[in-house]
PDB file of N, CA and C in Angstrom:
ATOM      1  N   GLN A   1       0.834  -1.193   0.000  1.00  0.00           N
ATOM      2  CA  GLN A   1       0.000   0.000   0.000  1.00  0.00           C
ATOM      3  C   GLN A   1       0.875   1.251   0.000  1.00  0.00           C
ATOM      4  N   VAL A   2       0.319   2.326  -0.514  1.00  0.00           N
ATOM      5  CA  VAL A   2       1.004   3.601  -0.588  1.00  0.00           C
ATOM      6  C   VAL A   2       0.462   4.513   0.504  1.00  0.00           C
ATOM      7  N   GLN A   3       1.360   5.182   1.190  1.00  0.00           N
ATOM      8  CA  GLN A   3       0.988   6.170   2.181  1.00  0.00           C
ATOM      9  C   GLN A   3       1.562   7.524   1.790  1.00  0.00           C
ATOM     10  N   LEU A   4       0.751   8.555   1.935  1.00  0.00           N
ATOM     11  CA  LEU A   4       1.154   9.915   1.628  1.00  0.00           C
ATOM     12  C   LEU A   4       1.080  10.741   2.898  1.00  0.00           C
ATOM     13  N   VAL A   5       2.157  11.428   3.215  1.00  0.00           N
ATOM     14  CA  VAL A   5       2.227  12.241   4.418  1.00  0.00           C
ATOM     15  C   VAL A   5       2.492  13.682   4.022  1.00  0.00           C
ATOM     16  N   GLU A   6       1.576  14.560   4.396  1.00  0.00           N
ATOM     17  CA  GLU A   6       1.663  15.968   4.061  1.00  0.00           C
ATOM     18  C   GLU A   6       2.176  16.774   5.248  1.00  0.00           C
ATOM     19  N   SER A   7       2.827  17.880   4.953  1.00  0.00           N
ATOM     20  CA  SER A   7       3.297  18.781   5.989  1.00  0.00           C
ATOM     21  C   SER A   7       3.389  20.188   5.422  1.00  0.00           C
ATOM     22  N   GLY A   8       3.505  21.171   6.302  1.00  0.00           N
ATOM     23  CA  GLY A   8       3.741  22.538   5.890  1.00  0.00           C
ATOM     24  C   GLY A   8       2.545  23.463   5.943  1.00  0.00           C
ATOM     25  N   GLY A   9       1.391  22.956   6.319  1.00  0.00           N
ATOM     26  CA  GLY A   9       0.224  23.805   6.407  1.00  0.00           C
ATOM     27  C   GLY A   9       0.247  24.675   7.649  1.00  0.00           C
ATOM     28  N   GLY A  10      -0.813  25.445   7.809  1.00  0.00           N
ATOM     29  CA  GLY A  10      -0.916  26.296   8.969  1.00  0.00           C
ATOM     30  C   GLY A  10      -1.705  27.554   8.692  1.00  0.00           C
ATOM     31  N   LEU A  11      -1.543  28.527   9.572  1.00  0.00           N
ATOM     32  CA  LEU A  11      -2.237  29.802   9.498  1.00  0.00           C
ATOM     33  C   LEU A  11      -1.274  30.885   9.035  1.00  0.00           C
ATOM     34  N   VAL A  12      -1.674  31.608   8.006  1.00  0.00           N
ATOM     35  CA  VAL A  12      -0.876  32.719   7.494  1.00  0.00           C
ATOM     36  C   VAL A  12      -1.778  33.899   7.208  1.00  0.00           C
ATOM     37  N   GLN A  13      -1.180  35.085   7.182  1.00  0.00           N
ATOM     38  CA  GLN A  13      -1.917  36.290   6.843  1.00  0.00           C
ATOM     39  C   GLN A  13      -2.046  36.437   5.335  1.00  0.00           C
ATOM     40  N   PRO A  14      -3.059  37.154   4.882  1.00  0.00           N
ATOM     41  CA  PRO A  14      -3.167  37.414   3.443  1.00  0.00           C
ATOM     42  C   PRO A  14      -1.883  38.023   2.900  1.00  0.00           C
ATOM     43  N   GLY A  15      -1.489  37.552   1.729  1.00  0.00           N
ATOM     44  CA  GLY A  15      -0.246  37.987   1.125  1.00  0.00           C
ATOM     45  C   GLY A  15       0.958  37.155   1.506  1.00  0.00           C
ATOM     46  N   GLY A  16       0.798  36.265   2.452  1.00  0.00           N
ATOM     47  CA  GLY A  16       1.887  35.440   2.919  1.00  0.00           C
ATOM     48  C   GLY A  16       2.147  34.242   2.036  1.00  0.00           C
ATOM     49  N   SER A  17       3.099  33.419   2.481  1.00  0.00           N
ATOM     50  CA  SER A  17       3.531  32.255   1.720  1.00  0.00           C
ATOM     51  C   SER A  17       3.590  31.022   2.598  1.00  0.00           C
ATOM     52  N   LEU A  18       3.383  29.884   1.986  1.00  0.00           N
ATOM     53  CA  LEU A  18       3.557  28.588   2.615  1.00  0.00           C
ATOM     54  C   LEU A  18       4.083  27.620   1.573  1.00  0.00           C
ATOM     55  N   ARG A  19       4.781  26.600   2.030  1.00  0.00           N
ATOM     56  CA  ARG A  19       5.175  25.505   1.164  1.00  0.00           C
ATOM     57  C   ARG A  19       4.678  24.194   1.746  1.00  0.00           C
ATOM     58  N   LEU A  20       3.856  23.509   0.996  1.00  0.00           N
ATOM     59  CA  LEU A  20       3.371  22.201   1.378  1.00  0.00           C
ATOM     60  C   LEU A  20       4.285  21.123   0.805  1.00  0.00           C
ATOM     61  N   SER A  21       4.474  20.071   1.570  1.00  0.00           N
ATOM     62  CA  SER A  21       5.247  18.927   1.129  1.00  0.00           C
ATOM     63  C   SER A  21       4.428  17.665   1.300  1.00  0.00           C
ATOM     64  N   CYS A  22       4.645  16.723   0.421  1.00  0.00           N
ATOM     65  CA  CYS A  22       3.980  15.431   0.504  1.00  0.00           C
ATOM     66  C   CYS A  22       4.974  14.365   0.097  1.00  0.00           C
ATOM     67  N   THR A  23       5.206  13.432   0.976  1.00  0.00           N
ATOM     68  CA  THR A  23       6.135  12.344   0.721  1.00  0.00           C
ATOM     69  C   THR A  23       5.380  11.025   0.638  1.00  0.00           C
ATOM     70  N   ALA A  24       5.641  10.289  -0.418  1.00  0.00           N
ATOM     71  CA  ALA A  24       4.991   9.002  -0.646  1.00  0.00           C
ATOM     72  C   ALA A  24       5.912   7.864  -0.243  1.00  0.00           C
ATOM     73  N   SER A  25       5.333   6.858   0.349  1.00  0.00           N
ATOM     74  CA  SER A  25       6.070   5.654   0.687  1.00  0.00           C
ATOM     75  C   SER A  25       5.194   4.443   0.408  1.00  0.00           C
ATOM     76  N   GLY A  26       5.837   3.312   0.201  1.00  0.00           N
ATOM     77  CA  GLY A  26       5.099   2.090  -0.038  1.00  0.00           C
ATOM     78  C   GLY A  26       5.277   1.564  -1.444  1.00  0.00           C
ATOM     79  N   SER A  27       4.328   0.782  -1.882  1.00  0.00           N
ATOM     80  CA  SER A  27       4.434   0.018  -3.116  1.00  0.00           C
ATOM     81  C   SER A  27       3.943   0.804  -4.325  1.00  0.00           C
ATOM     82  N   ILE A  28       4.722   1.801  -4.704  1.00  0.00           N
ATOM     83  CA  ILE A  28       4.472   2.510  -5.945  1.00  0.00           C
ATOM     84  C   ILE A  28       5.809   2.704  -6.646  1.00  0.00           C
ATOM     85  N   PHE A  29       5.854   2.323  -7.909  1.00  0.00           N
ATOM     86  CA  PHE A  29       7.102   2.317  -8.649  1.00  0.00           C
ATOM     87  C   PHE A  29       6.887   2.861 -10.047  1.00  0.00           C
ATOM     88  N   GLY A  30       7.964   3.293 -10.651  1.00  0.00           N
ATOM     89  CA  GLY A  30       7.913   3.755 -12.018  1.00  0.00           C
ATOM     90  C   GLY A  30       7.301   5.138 -12.147  1.00  0.00           C
ATOM     91  N   PHE A  31       6.688   5.379 -13.291  1.00  0.00           N
ATOM     92  CA  PHE A  31       6.118   6.687 -13.579  1.00  0.00           C
ATOM     93  C   PHE A  31       4.767   6.854 -12.893  1.00  0.00           C
ATOM     94  N   TYR A  32       4.569   8.001 -12.308  1.00  0.00           N
ATOM     95  CA  TYR A  32       3.293   8.319 -11.687  1.00  0.00           C
ATOM     96  C   TYR A  32       3.106   9.829 -11.647  1.00  0.00           C
ATOM     97  N   THR A  33       1.876  10.224 -11.546  1.00  0.00           N
ATOM     98  CA  THR A  33       1.512  11.628 -11.479  1.00  0.00           C
ATOM     99  C   THR A  33       1.302  12.039 -10.023  1.00  0.00           C
ATOM    100  N   MET A  34       1.742  13.241  -9.688  1.00  0.00           N
ATOM    101  CA  MET A  34       1.528  13.776  -8.357  1.00  0.00           C
ATOM    102  C   MET A  34       0.758  15.084  -8.479  1.00  0.00           C
ATOM    103  N   ALA A  35      -0.096  15.334  -7.513  1.00  0.00           N
ATOM    104  CA  ALA A  35      -0.968  16.488  -7.604  1.00  0.00           C
ATOM    105  C   ALA A  35      -1.376  16.963  -6.224  1.00  0.00           C
ATOM    106  N   TRP A  36      -1.875  18.186  -6.203  1.00  0.00           N
ATOM    107  CA  TRP A  36      -2.501  18.762  -5.024  1.00  0.00           C
ATOM    108  C   TRP A  36      -3.937  19.144  -5.351  1.00  0.00           C
ATOM    109  N   TYR A  37      -4.827  18.786  -4.463  1.00  0.00           N
ATOM    110  CA  TYR A  37      -6.220  19.189  -4.517  1.00  0.00           C
ATOM    111  C   TYR A  37      -6.551  19.968  -3.259  1.00  0.00           C
ATOM    112  N   ARG A  38      -7.680  20.655  -3.274  1.00  0.00           N
ATOM    113  CA  ARG A  38      -8.119  21.323  -2.065  1.00  0.00           C
ATOM    114  C   ARG A  38      -9.638  21.310  -1.989  1.00  0.00           C
ATOM    115  N   GLN A  39     -10.125  21.394  -0.777  1.00  0.00           N
ATOM    116  CA  GLN A  39     -11.553  21.401  -0.534  1.00  0.00           C
ATOM    117  C   GLN A  39     -11.859  22.427   0.548  1.00  0.00           C
ATOM    118  N   ALA A  40     -12.577  23.458   0.176  1.00  0.00           N
ATOM    119  CA  ALA A  40     -13.012  24.478   1.110  1.00  0.00           C
ATOM    120  C   ALA A  40     -14.363  24.083   1.695  1.00  0.00           C
ATOM    121  N   PRO A  41     -14.720  24.652   2.847  1.00  0.00           N
ATOM    122  CA  PRO A  41     -16.013  24.314   3.451  1.00  0.00           C
ATOM    123  C   PRO A  41     -17.161  24.550   2.489  1.00  0.00           C
ATOM    124  N   GLY A  42     -18.015  23.556   2.358  1.00  0.00           N
ATOM    125  CA  GLY A  42     -19.182  23.665   1.504  1.00  0.00           C
ATOM    126  C   GLY A  42     -18.909  23.531   0.021  1.00  0.00           C
ATOM    127  N   LYS A  43     -17.680  23.199  -0.360  1.00  0.00           N
ATOM    128  CA  LYS A  43     -17.332  23.093  -1.770  1.00  0.00           C
ATOM    129  C   LYS A  43     -16.779  21.713  -2.092  1.00  0.00           C
ATOM    130  N   GLN A  44     -16.725  21.415  -3.384  1.00  0.00           N
ATOM    131  CA  GLN A  44     -16.159  20.159  -3.851  1.00  0.00           C
ATOM    132  C   GLN A  44     -14.640  20.200  -3.794  1.00  0.00           C
ATOM    133  N   ARG A  45     -14.063  19.021  -3.847  1.00  0.00           N
ATOM    134  CA  ARG A  45     -12.618  18.911  -3.911  1.00  0.00           C
ATOM    135  C   ARG A  45     -12.163  19.187  -5.344  1.00  0.00           C
ATOM    136  N   ASP A  46     -11.308  20.172  -5.505  1.00  0.00           N
ATOM    137  CA  ASP A  46     -10.882  20.616  -6.822  1.00  0.00           C
ATOM    138  C   ASP A  46      -9.379  20.478  -6.986  1.00  0.00           C
ATOM    139  N   LEU A  47      -8.972  20.244  -8.213  1.00  0.00           N
ATOM    140  CA  LEU A  47      -7.550  20.195  -8.542  1.00  0.00           C
ATOM    141  C   LEU A  47      -6.928  21.574  -8.399  1.00  0.00           C
ATOM    142  N   VAL A  48      -5.807  21.645  -7.711  1.00  0.00           N
ATOM    143  CA  VAL A  48      -5.026  22.865  -7.588  1.00  0.00           C
ATOM    144  C   VAL A  48      -3.880  22.869  -8.590  1.00  0.00           C
ATOM    145  N   ALA A  49      -3.110  21.800  -8.610  1.00  0.00           N
ATOM    146  CA  ALA A  49      -1.962  21.698  -9.494  1.00  0.00           C
ATOM    147  C   ALA A  49      -1.600  20.238  -9.678  1.00  0.00           C
ATOM    148  N   ARG A  50      -1.046  19.936 -10.851  1.00  0.00           N
ATOM    149  CA  ARG A  50      -0.654  18.572 -11.172  1.00  0.00           C
ATOM    150  C   ARG A  50       0.691  18.597 -11.878  1.00  0.00           C
ATOM    151  N   ILE A  51       1.510  17.598 -11.601  1.00  0.00           N
ATOM    152  CA  ILE A  51       2.785  17.462 -12.277  1.00  0.00           C
ATOM    153  C   ILE A  51       2.994  16.000 -12.634  1.00  0.00           C
ATOM    154  N   ILE A  52       3.327  15.742 -13.900  1.00  0.00           N
ATOM    155  CA  ILE A  52       3.606  14.388 -14.332  1.00  0.00           C
ATOM    156  C   ILE A  52       5.093  14.122 -14.202  1.00  0.00           C
ATOM    157  N   ASN A  53       5.469  12.880 -14.433  1.00  0.00           N
ATOM    158  CA  ASN A  53       6.851  12.485 -14.200  1.00  0.00           C
ATOM    159  C   ASN A  53       7.840  13.286 -15.036  1.00  0.00           C
ATOM    160  N   GLY A  54       7.463  13.615 -16.265  1.00  0.00           N
ATOM    161  CA  GLY A  54       8.345  14.358 -17.134  1.00  0.00           C
ATOM    162  C   GLY A  54       8.451  15.831 -16.817  1.00  0.00           C
ATOM    163  N   GLY A  55       7.628  16.321 -15.906  1.00  0.00           N
ATOM    164  CA  GLY A  55       7.711  17.702 -15.485  1.00  0.00           C
ATOM    165  C   GLY A  55       6.608  18.611 -15.969  1.00  0.00           C
ATOM    166  N   THR A  56       5.763  18.137 -16.853  1.00  0.00           N
ATOM    167  CA  THR A  56       4.652  18.949 -17.327  1.00  0.00           C
ATOM    168  C   THR A  56       3.698  19.257 -16.177  1.00  0.00           C
ATOM    169  N   THR A  57       3.255  20.492 -16.103  1.00  0.00           N
ATOM    170  CA  THR A  57       2.385  20.928 -15.019  1.00  0.00           C
ATOM    171  C   THR A  57       1.118  21.555 -15.555  1.00  0.00           C
ATOM    172  N   ASN A  58       0.099  21.568 -14.726  1.00  0.00           N
ATOM    173  CA  ASN A  58      -1.065  22.390 -14.983  1.00  0.00           C
ATOM    174  C   ASN A  58      -1.626  22.878 -13.658  1.00  0.00           C
ATOM    175  N   TYR A  59      -2.335  24.000 -13.725  1.00  0.00           N
ATOM    176  CA  TYR A  59      -2.813  24.688 -12.533  1.00  0.00           C
ATOM    177  C   TYR A  59      -4.254  25.123 -12.711  1.00  0.00           C
ATOM    178  N   ALA A  60      -4.948  25.194 -11.599  1.00  0.00           N
ATOM    179  CA  ALA A  60      -6.242  25.840 -11.602  1.00  0.00           C
ATOM    180  C   ALA A  60      -6.064  27.322 -11.919  1.00  0.00           C
ATOM    181  N   ASP A  61      -7.016  27.881 -12.634  1.00  0.00           N
ATOM    182  CA  ASP A  61      -6.924  29.295 -12.989  1.00  0.00           C
ATOM    183  C   ASP A  61      -6.789  30.189 -11.759  1.00  0.00           C
ATOM    184  N   SER A  62      -7.403  29.802 -10.672  1.00  0.00           N
ATOM    185  CA  SER A  62      -7.411  30.635  -9.482  1.00  0.00           C
ATOM    186  C   SER A  62      -6.051  30.736  -8.803  1.00  0.00           C
ATOM    187  N   VAL A  63      -5.126  29.830  -9.111  1.00  0.00           N
ATOM    188  CA  VAL A  63      -3.819  29.847  -8.462  1.00  0.00           C
ATOM    189  C   VAL A  63      -2.675  30.081  -9.428  1.00  0.00           C
ATOM    190  N   LYS A  64      -2.942  30.062 -10.702  1.00  0.00           N
ATOM    191  CA  LYS A  64      -1.883  30.219 -11.687  1.00  0.00           C
ATOM    192  C   LYS A  64      -1.159  31.549 -11.493  1.00  0.00           C
ATOM    193  N   GLY A  65       0.158  31.486 -11.476  1.00  0.00           N
ATOM    194  CA  GLY A  65       0.974  32.659 -11.243  1.00  0.00           C
ATOM    195  C   GLY A  65       1.319  32.881  -9.788  1.00  0.00           C
ATOM    196  N   ARG A  66       0.620  32.225  -8.885  1.00  0.00           N
ATOM    197  CA  ARG A  66       0.882  32.362  -7.457  1.00  0.00           C
ATOM    198  C   ARG A  66       1.458  31.084  -6.849  1.00  0.00           C
ATOM    199  N   PHE A  67       1.029  29.935  -7.358  1.00  0.00           N
ATOM    200  CA  PHE A  67       1.462  28.645  -6.829  1.00  0.00           C
ATOM    201  C   PHE A  67       2.385  27.957  -7.825  1.00  0.00           C
ATOM    202  N   THR A  68       3.315  27.175  -7.305  1.00  0.00           N
ATOM    203  CA  THR A  68       4.209  26.385  -8.131  1.00  0.00           C
ATOM    204  C   THR A  68       4.294  24.971  -7.579  1.00  0.00           C
ATOM    205  N   ILE A  69       4.055  23.993  -8.433  1.00  0.00           N
ATOM    206  CA  ILE A  69       4.195  22.603  -8.040  1.00  0.00           C
ATOM    207  C   ILE A  69       5.520  22.073  -8.576  1.00  0.00           C
ATOM    208  N   SER A  70       6.183  21.264  -7.778  1.00  0.00           N
ATOM    209  CA  SER A  70       7.432  20.648  -8.186  1.00  0.00           C
ATOM    210  C   SER A  70       7.544  19.286  -7.531  1.00  0.00           C
ATOM    211  N   ARG A  71       8.490  18.482  -8.008  1.00  0.00           N
ATOM    212  CA  ARG A  71       8.648  17.147  -7.444  1.00  0.00           C
ATOM    213  C   ARG A  71      10.112  16.765  -7.380  1.00  0.00           C
ATOM    214  N   ASP A  72      10.417  15.919  -6.433  1.00  0.00           N
ATOM    215  CA  ASP A  72      11.737  15.345  -6.269  1.00  0.00           C
ATOM    216  C   ASP A  72      11.542  13.839  -6.278  1.00  0.00           C
ATOM    217  N   ASN A  73      11.800  13.229  -7.424  1.00  0.00           N
ATOM    218  CA  ASN A  73      11.538  11.801  -7.551  1.00  0.00           C
ATOM    219  C   ASN A  73      12.442  10.956  -6.655  1.00  0.00           C
ATOM    220  N   GLY A  74      13.651  11.440  -6.404  1.00  0.00           N
ATOM    221  CA  GLY A  74      14.540  10.710  -5.516  1.00  0.00           C
ATOM    222  C   GLY A  74      14.019  10.617  -4.103  1.00  0.00           C
ATOM    223  N   ARG A  75      13.237  11.604  -3.697  1.00  0.00           N
ATOM    224  CA  ARG A  75      12.650  11.616  -2.361  1.00  0.00           C
ATOM    225  C   ARG A  75      11.176  11.226  -2.365  1.00  0.00           C
ATOM    226  N   ASN A  76      10.634  10.916  -3.537  1.00  0.00           N
ATOM    227  CA  ASN A  76       9.203  10.614  -3.662  1.00  0.00           C
ATOM    228  C   ASN A  76       8.361  11.712  -3.028  1.00  0.00           C
ATOM    229  N   THR A  77       8.710  12.940  -3.324  1.00  0.00           N
ATOM    230  CA  THR A  77       8.090  14.081  -2.679  1.00  0.00           C
ATOM    231  C   THR A  77       7.588  15.074  -3.720  1.00  0.00           C
ATOM    232  N   VAL A  78       6.430  15.630  -3.456  1.00  0.00           N
ATOM    233  CA  VAL A  78       5.879  16.706  -4.256  1.00  0.00           C
ATOM    234  C   VAL A  78       5.683  17.915  -3.354  1.00  0.00           C
ATOM    235  N   TYR A  79       5.929  19.099  -3.912  1.00  0.00           N
ATOM    236  CA  TYR A  79       5.827  20.340  -3.173  1.00  0.00           C
ATOM    237  C   TYR A  79       4.798  21.253  -3.826  1.00  0.00           C
ATOM    238  N   LEU A  80       4.217  22.090  -3.022  1.00  0.00           N
ATOM    239  CA  LEU A  80       3.380  23.162  -3.523  1.00  0.00           C
ATOM    240  C   LEU A  80       3.818  24.444  -2.837  1.00  0.00           C
ATOM    241  N   GLN A  81       4.505  25.295  -3.586  1.00  0.00           N
ATOM    242  CA  GLN A  81       4.925  26.589  -3.077  1.00  0.00           C
ATOM    243  C   GLN A  81       3.823  27.593  -3.360  1.00  0.00           C
ATOM    244  N   MET A  82       3.326  28.225  -2.317  1.00  0.00           N
ATOM    245  CA  MET A  82       2.190  29.122  -2.422  1.00  0.00           C
ATOM    246  C   MET A  82       2.614  30.520  -2.004  1.00  0.00           C
ATOM    247  N   HIS A  83       2.396  31.475  -2.874  1.00  0.00           N
ATOM    248  CA  HIS A  83       2.674  32.880  -2.606  1.00  0.00           C
ATOM    249  C   HIS A  83       1.402  33.697  -2.760  1.00  0.00           C
ATOM    250  N   SER A  84       1.449  34.900  -2.220  1.00  0.00           N
ATOM    251  CA  SER A  84       0.330  35.841  -2.331  1.00  0.00           C
ATOM    252  C   SER A  84      -0.984  35.182  -1.936  1.00  0.00           C
ATOM    253  N   LEU A  85      -0.961  34.519  -0.814  1.00  0.00           N
ATOM    254  CA  LEU A  85      -2.136  33.778  -0.377  1.00  0.00           C
ATOM    255  C   LEU A  85      -3.297  34.714  -0.069  1.00  0.00           C
ATOM    256  N   GLU A  86      -4.472  34.239  -0.385  1.00  0.00           N
ATOM    257  CA  GLU A  86      -5.709  34.983  -0.197  1.00  0.00           C
ATOM    258  C   GLU A  86      -6.644  34.194   0.698  1.00  0.00           C
ATOM    259  N   ALA A  87      -7.618  34.886   1.267  1.00  0.00           N
ATOM    260  CA  ALA A  87      -8.586  34.209   2.110  1.00  0.00           C
ATOM    261  C   ALA A  87      -9.278  33.074   1.365  1.00  0.00           C
ATOM    262  N   GLU A  88      -9.466  33.252   0.073  1.00  0.00           N
ATOM    263  CA  GLU A  88     -10.130  32.241  -0.746  1.00  0.00           C
ATOM    264  C   GLU A  88      -9.303  30.971  -0.906  1.00  0.00           C
ATOM    265  N   ASP A  89      -8.031  31.016  -0.544  1.00  0.00           N
ATOM    266  CA  ASP A  89      -7.190  29.828  -0.584  1.00  0.00           C
ATOM    267  C   ASP A  89      -7.378  28.942   0.633  1.00  0.00           C
ATOM    268  N   THR A  90      -8.113  29.411   1.614  1.00  0.00           N
ATOM    269  CA  THR A  90      -8.356  28.622   2.812  1.00  0.00           C
ATOM    270  C   THR A  90      -9.077  27.330   2.452  1.00  0.00           C
ATOM    271  N   ALA A  91      -8.496  26.212   2.840  1.00  0.00           N
ATOM    272  CA  ALA A  91      -9.052  24.913   2.496  1.00  0.00           C
ATOM    273  C   ALA A  91      -8.213  23.827   3.143  1.00  0.00           C
ATOM    274  N   VAL A  92      -8.719  22.621   3.079  1.00  0.00           N
ATOM    275  CA  VAL A  92      -7.908  21.449   3.361  1.00  0.00           C
ATOM    276  C   VAL A  92      -7.258  21.025   2.056  1.00  0.00           C
ATOM    277  N   TYR A  93      -5.954  20.905   2.074  1.00  0.00           N
ATOM    278  CA  TYR A  93      -5.196  20.538   0.888  1.00  0.00           C
ATOM    279  C   TYR A  93      -4.816  19.064   0.959  1.00  0.00           C
ATOM    280  N   TYR A  94      -5.037  18.364  -0.150  1.00  0.00           N
ATOM    281  CA  TYR A  94      -4.809  16.931  -0.215  1.00  0.00           C
ATOM    282  C   TYR A  94      -3.763  16.598  -1.265  1.00  0.00           C
ATOM    283  N   CYS A  95      -2.806  15.810  -0.876  1.00  0.00           N
ATOM    284  CA  CYS A  95      -1.838  15.260  -1.805  1.00  0.00           C
ATOM    285  C   CYS A  95      -2.448  14.067  -2.525  1.00  0.00           C
ATOM    286  N   ASN A  96      -2.120  13.926  -3.795  1.00  0.00           N
ATOM    287  CA  ASN A  96      -2.661  12.853  -4.612  1.00  0.00           C
ATOM    288  C   ASN A  96      -1.557  12.255  -5.469  1.00  0.00           C
ATOM    289  N   VAL A  97      -1.528  10.936  -5.536  1.00  0.00           N
ATOM    290  CA  VAL A  97      -0.593  10.215  -6.390  1.00  0.00           C
ATOM    291  C   VAL A  97      -1.390   9.240  -7.235  1.00  0.00           C
ATOM    292  N   GLY A  98      -1.131   9.232  -8.527  1.00  0.00           N
ATOM    293  CA  GLY A  98      -1.862   8.356  -9.424  1.00  0.00           C
ATOM    294  C   GLY A  98      -0.970   7.668 -10.422  1.00  0.00           C
ATOM    295  N   LYS A  99      -1.304   6.417 -10.709  1.00  0.00           N
ATOM    296  CA  LYS A  99      -0.622   5.618 -11.717  1.00  0.00           C
ATOM    297  C   LYS A  99      -1.641   4.664 -12.308  1.00  0.00           C
ATOM    298  N   ARG A 100      -1.899   4.835 -13.612  1.00  0.00           N
ATOM    299  CA  ARG A 100      -2.935   4.057 -14.282  1.00  0.00           C
ATOM    300  C   ARG A 100      -4.242   4.173 -13.490  1.00  0.00           C
ATOM    301  N   SER A 101      -4.795   3.068 -13.032  1.00  0.00           N
ATOM    302  CA  SER A 101      -6.041   3.110 -12.287  1.00  0.00           C
ATOM    303  C   SER A 101      -5.849   3.245 -10.783  1.00  0.00           C
ATOM    304  N   GLN A 102      -4.613   3.313 -10.334  1.00  0.00           N
ATOM    305  CA  GLN A 102      -4.329   3.393  -8.912  1.00  0.00           C
ATOM    306  C   GLN A 102      -4.262   4.848  -8.473  1.00  0.00           C
ATOM    307  N   VAL A 103      -5.015   5.193  -7.462  1.00  0.00           N
ATOM    308  CA  VAL A 103      -5.066   6.547  -6.932  1.00  0.00           C
ATOM    309  C   VAL A 103      -4.937   6.493  -5.416  1.00  0.00           C
ATOM    310  N   TYR A 104      -4.100   7.370  -4.880  1.00  0.00           N
ATOM    311  CA  TYR A 104      -3.870   7.420  -3.447  1.00  0.00           C
ATOM    312  C   TYR A 104      -3.983   8.854  -2.971  1.00  0.00           C
ATOM    313  N   TRP A 105      -4.477   9.005  -1.737  1.00  0.00           N
ATOM    314  CA  TRP A 105      -4.700  10.318  -1.153  1.00  0.00           C
ATOM    315  C   TRP A 105      -4.018  10.443   0.199  1.00  0.00           C
ATOM    316  N   GLY A 106      -3.520  11.635   0.477  1.00  0.00           N
ATOM    317  CA  GLY A 106      -3.091  11.953   1.814  1.00  0.00           C
ATOM    318  C   GLY A 106      -4.279  12.246   2.709  1.00  0.00           C
ATOM    319  N   GLN A 107      -4.002  12.460   3.977  1.00  0.00           N
ATOM    320  CA  GLN A 107      -5.073  12.687   4.943  1.00  0.00           C
ATOM    321  C   GLN A 107      -5.622  14.108   4.889  1.00  0.00           C
ATOM    322  N   GLY A 108      -4.925  14.987   4.228  1.00  0.00           N
ATOM    323  CA  GLY A 108      -5.320  16.381   4.139  1.00  0.00           C
ATOM    324  C   GLY A 108      -4.625  17.224   5.187  1.00  0.00           C
ATOM    325  N   ILE A 109      -4.321  18.460   4.815  1.00  0.00           N
ATOM    326  CA  ILE A 109      -3.670  19.379   5.733  1.00  0.00           C
ATOM    327  C   ILE A 109      -4.317  20.751   5.585  1.00  0.00           C
ATOM    328  N   GLN A 110      -4.581  21.389   6.714  1.00  0.00           N
ATOM    329  CA  GLN A 110      -5.309  22.648   6.721  1.00  0.00           C
ATOM    330  C   GLN A 110      -4.402  23.814   6.364  1.00  0.00           C
ATOM    331  N   VAL A 111      -4.885  24.649   5.469  1.00  0.00           N
ATOM    332  CA  VAL A 111      -4.280  25.942   5.184  1.00  0.00           C
ATOM    333  C   VAL A 111      -5.337  27.004   5.453  1.00  0.00           C
ATOM    334  N   THR A 112      -5.034  27.912   6.351  1.00  0.00           N
ATOM    335  CA  THR A 112      -5.955  28.989   6.689  1.00  0.00           C
ATOM    336  C   THR A 112      -5.276  30.320   6.442  1.00  0.00           C
ATOM    337  N   VAL A 113      -5.915  31.160   5.656  1.00  0.00           N
ATOM    338  CA  VAL A 113      -5.402  32.487   5.336  1.00  0.00           C
ATOM    339  C   VAL A 113      -6.349  33.498   5.967  1.00  0.00           C
ATOM    340  N   SER A 114      -5.867  34.197   6.975  1.00  0.00           N
ATOM    341  CA  SER A 114      -6.713  35.116   7.715  1.00  0.00           C
ATOM    342  C   SER A 114      -5.852  36.139   8.428  1.00  0.00           C
ATOM    343  N   SER A 115      -6.386  37.346   8.550  1.00  0.00           N
ATOM    344  CA  SER A 115      -5.719  38.389   9.301  1.00  0.00           C
ATOM    345  C   SER A 115      -6.141  38.390  10.762  1.00  0.00           C
TER     346      SER A 115
END
């Protein structure tokens, strides 16, 4: 089984920055996609950013230009660097790893943007 452990969340003021990390361990090998999703209260879980093994990325329109996703395959880790955070970014952020039909989720980590 694959386990995903997220870290780096917390409370920040508007305009601040955070970096989320997610490290995967367990039985996953070869090429796989890593991504971050988020779910705000009363809303669906939406894709924030995705990165494939070759480095291609895509972002939600709401975060493009502010967030950057990256990965370190040697550490089985994906990062989400977040700048210029807004109150609307407040959500539980979930790490996601996918390979073919196999999908794994982290437990979620809270990001709160408030003054």
